[in-house]
């Protein structure tokens, strides 16, 4: 019996949602320059960069280990800066979870912005932990993106 789960993380940021949306959707390869200790490569396998149905592979280091995540862009909403990525390959779904989605969203909060990360996943059983370490990792990436000087 699979166990469905949902985990949500919030990060208050200063940059506008379109900055994050543009990087994650259209220029994910720029993450290598923004967080080189965490993201090492982002390859486009199918489709056009940023288009729904496109398949990308991330090469990254998490918890001191080099990992890979192959994802398909499942949906995009330009208006509210939302991107839904379904993980279709790599350690997350090949070794741990039966299914895994990452939803990136940014919305205004006063004179700042709120970045929201949502994980929707299925654990095969209770021995598989909630992905709290991965949530902390991605929230830290949002913070580093926010602090990044994109005028260089």
Protein backbone atom coordinates (compact mmCIF):
# COMPACT_ATOMS: atom_id res chain seq x y z
CA UNK A 1 0.00 0.00 0.00
CA UNK A 2 1.52 3.32 -1.10
CA UNK A 3 1.42 6.31 1.23
CA UNK A 4 0.68 9.69 -0.36
CA UNK A 5 2.39 12.72 1.09
CA UNK A 6 2.69 16.45 0.65
CA UNK A 7 5.37 18.74 2.00
CA UNK A 8 5.34 22.53 1.60
CA UNK A 9 8.20 24.98 2.18
CA UNK A 10 8.13 28.78 2.13
CA UNK A 11 10.97 31.25 1.58
CA UNK A 12 10.54 35.03 1.75
CA UNK A 13 12.48 36.59 -1.12
CA UNK A 14 13.20 40.07 -2.46
CA UNK A 15 13.33 39.42 -6.20
CA UNK A 16 10.17 39.29 -8.28
CA UNK A 17 8.58 36.00 -9.26
CA UNK A 18 9.40 36.46 -12.92
CA UNK A 19 13.15 36.23 -12.10
CA UNK A 20 12.74 32.77 -10.55
CA UNK A 21 10.19 31.65 -13.13
CA UNK A 22 12.51 32.67 -15.98
CA UNK A 23 15.52 30.85 -14.51
CA UNK A 24 13.70 27.64 -13.56
CA UNK A 25 11.65 27.44 -16.74
CA UNK A 26 13.74 28.98 -19.52
CA UNK A 27 17.32 29.10 -18.22
CA UNK A 28 17.81 26.23 -15.75
CA UNK A 29 21.37 25.81 -17.05
CA UNK A 30 22.18 29.15 -15.35
CA UNK A 31 21.71 27.45 -11.98
CA UNK A 32 25.23 26.05 -12.46
CA UNK A 33 26.64 29.60 -12.19
CA UNK A 34 24.29 30.63 -9.36
CA UNK A 35 24.79 27.59 -7.10
CA UNK A 36 27.81 25.69 -8.49
CA UNK A 37 28.34 23.73 -5.27
CA UNK A 38 24.79 22.35 -5.53
CA UNK A 39 23.87 22.19 -9.24
CA UNK A 40 26.45 20.89 -11.73
CA UNK A 41 24.54 20.53 -14.99
CA UNK A 42 21.09 20.76 -16.52
CA UNK A 43 20.55 18.97 -19.83
CA UNK A 44 17.60 19.33 -22.19
CA UNK A 45 16.66 15.89 -23.58
CA UNK A 46 13.36 16.43 -25.38
CA UNK A 47 11.27 19.38 -26.48
CA UNK A 48 12.06 23.07 -26.24
CA UNK A 49 13.54 24.67 -23.15
CA UNK A 50 10.67 25.75 -20.88
CA UNK A 51 7.87 24.12 -22.90
CA UNK A 52 5.33 21.81 -21.31
CA UNK A 53 6.34 18.23 -22.12
CA UNK A 54 10.06 19.04 -22.24
CA UNK A 55 12.37 16.62 -20.45
CA UNK A 56 15.42 17.86 -18.52
CA UNK A 57 18.02 16.14 -16.36
CA UNK A 58 19.60 17.82 -13.35
CA UNK A 59 23.00 16.79 -12.01
CA UNK A 60 23.38 17.98 -8.43
CA UNK A 61 24.95 17.32 -5.04
CA UNK A 62 22.62 16.73 -2.10
CA UNK A 63 23.61 15.44 1.34
CA UNK A 64 27.21 15.17 0.11
CA UNK A 65 26.33 12.81 -2.76
CA UNK A 66 26.19 13.47 -6.50
CA UNK A 67 22.71 12.70 -7.80
CA UNK A 68 20.59 12.90 -10.94
CA UNK A 69 16.93 13.81 -11.44
CA UNK A 70 15.18 13.48 -14.78
CA UNK A 71 12.05 15.64 -14.93
CA UNK A 72 9.27 16.52 -17.34
CA UNK A 73 7.63 19.93 -17.29
CA UNK A 74 4.04 18.97 -16.57
CA UNK A 75 2.44 22.41 -16.45
CA UNK A 76 3.27 26.12 -16.40
CA UNK A 77 1.27 29.14 -15.33
CA UNK A 78 2.93 32.41 -16.39
CA UNK A 79 0.44 34.58 -14.50
CA UNK A 80 1.15 33.19 -11.03
CA UNK A 81 4.72 32.00 -11.72
CA UNK A 82 4.02 28.30 -11.20
CA UNK A 83 5.95 25.40 -12.71
CA UNK A 84 5.07 21.75 -12.07
CA UNK A 85 7.87 19.24 -12.62
CA UNK A 86 7.24 15.49 -12.48
CA UNK A 87 10.33 13.46 -11.60
CA UNK A 88 10.54 10.53 -14.03
CA UNK A 89 14.06 9.25 -13.36
CA UNK A 90 16.94 9.34 -10.91
CA UNK A 91 17.34 8.30 -7.30
CA UNK A 92 14.10 9.92 -6.11
CA UNK A 93 11.81 7.68 -8.16
CA UNK A 94 14.15 4.81 -9.04
CA UNK A 95 15.18 4.11 -5.44
CA UNK A 96 12.91 5.92 -2.96
CA UNK A 97 9.49 7.12 -4.01
CA UNK A 98 6.85 5.64 -6.30
CA UNK A 99 6.09 9.11 -7.66
CA UNK A 100 7.39 12.63 -7.01
CA UNK A 101 6.31 16.11 -8.17
CA UNK A 102 7.94 19.45 -7.45
CA UNK A 103 5.80 22.58 -7.71
CA UNK A 104 7.60 25.96 -7.78
CA UNK A 105 5.45 29.02 -7.14
CA UNK A 106 6.15 32.68 -6.33
CA UNK A 107 3.54 35.21 -5.21
CA UNK A 108 3.58 38.76 -3.82
CA UNK A 109 3.57 39.22 -0.05
CA UNK A 110 3.49 42.92 0.80
CA UNK A 111 6.56 44.56 -0.72
CA UNK A 112 8.36 41.20 -0.87
CA UNK A 113 7.66 37.89 -2.53
CA UNK A 114 6.95 34.43 -1.14
CA UNK A 115 8.53 31.45 -2.86
CA UNK A 116 6.59 28.26 -2.24
CA UNK A 117 7.87 24.76 -2.91
CA UNK A 118 5.44 21.87 -2.78
CA UNK A 119 6.38 18.21 -2.99
CA UNK A 120 3.68 15.69 -3.81
CA UNK A 121 4.93 12.14 -3.47
CA UNK A 122 4.09 8.52 -2.85
CA UNK A 123 6.17 6.44 -0.46
CA UNK A 124 6.11 2.68 -1.02
CA UNK A 125 5.98 2.12 2.77
CA UNK A 126 6.72 3.83 6.09
CA UNK A 127 10.45 2.99 5.93
CA UNK A 128 10.92 5.72 3.28
CA UNK A 129 11.30 9.09 5.02
CA UNK A 130 9.57 12.35 4.20
CA UNK A 131 11.81 14.39 1.87
CA UNK A 132 12.57 17.12 4.45
CA UNK A 133 16.28 17.23 3.64
CA UNK A 134 15.50 17.80 -0.05
CA UNK A 135 13.03 20.54 0.91
CA UNK A 136 15.72 22.30 2.98
CA UNK A 137 18.12 21.93 0.05
CA UNK A 138 15.75 23.52 -2.49
CA UNK A 139 14.69 26.29 -0.07
CA UNK A 140 18.40 27.13 0.36
CA UNK A 141 18.75 27.26 -3.43
CA UNK A 142 15.89 29.79 -3.53
CA UNK A 143 17.73 31.88 -0.91
CA UNK A 144 20.96 31.73 -2.90
CA UNK A 145 19.14 32.65 -6.11
CA UNK A 146 17.59 35.61 -4.31
CA UNK A 147 21.02 36.76 -3.09
CA UNK A 148 22.65 36.23 -6.51
CA UNK A 149 23.81 39.37 -8.30
CA UNK A 150 22.29 38.89 -11.75
CA UNK A 151 23.86 42.10 -13.10
CA UNK A 152 27.17 40.32 -13.81
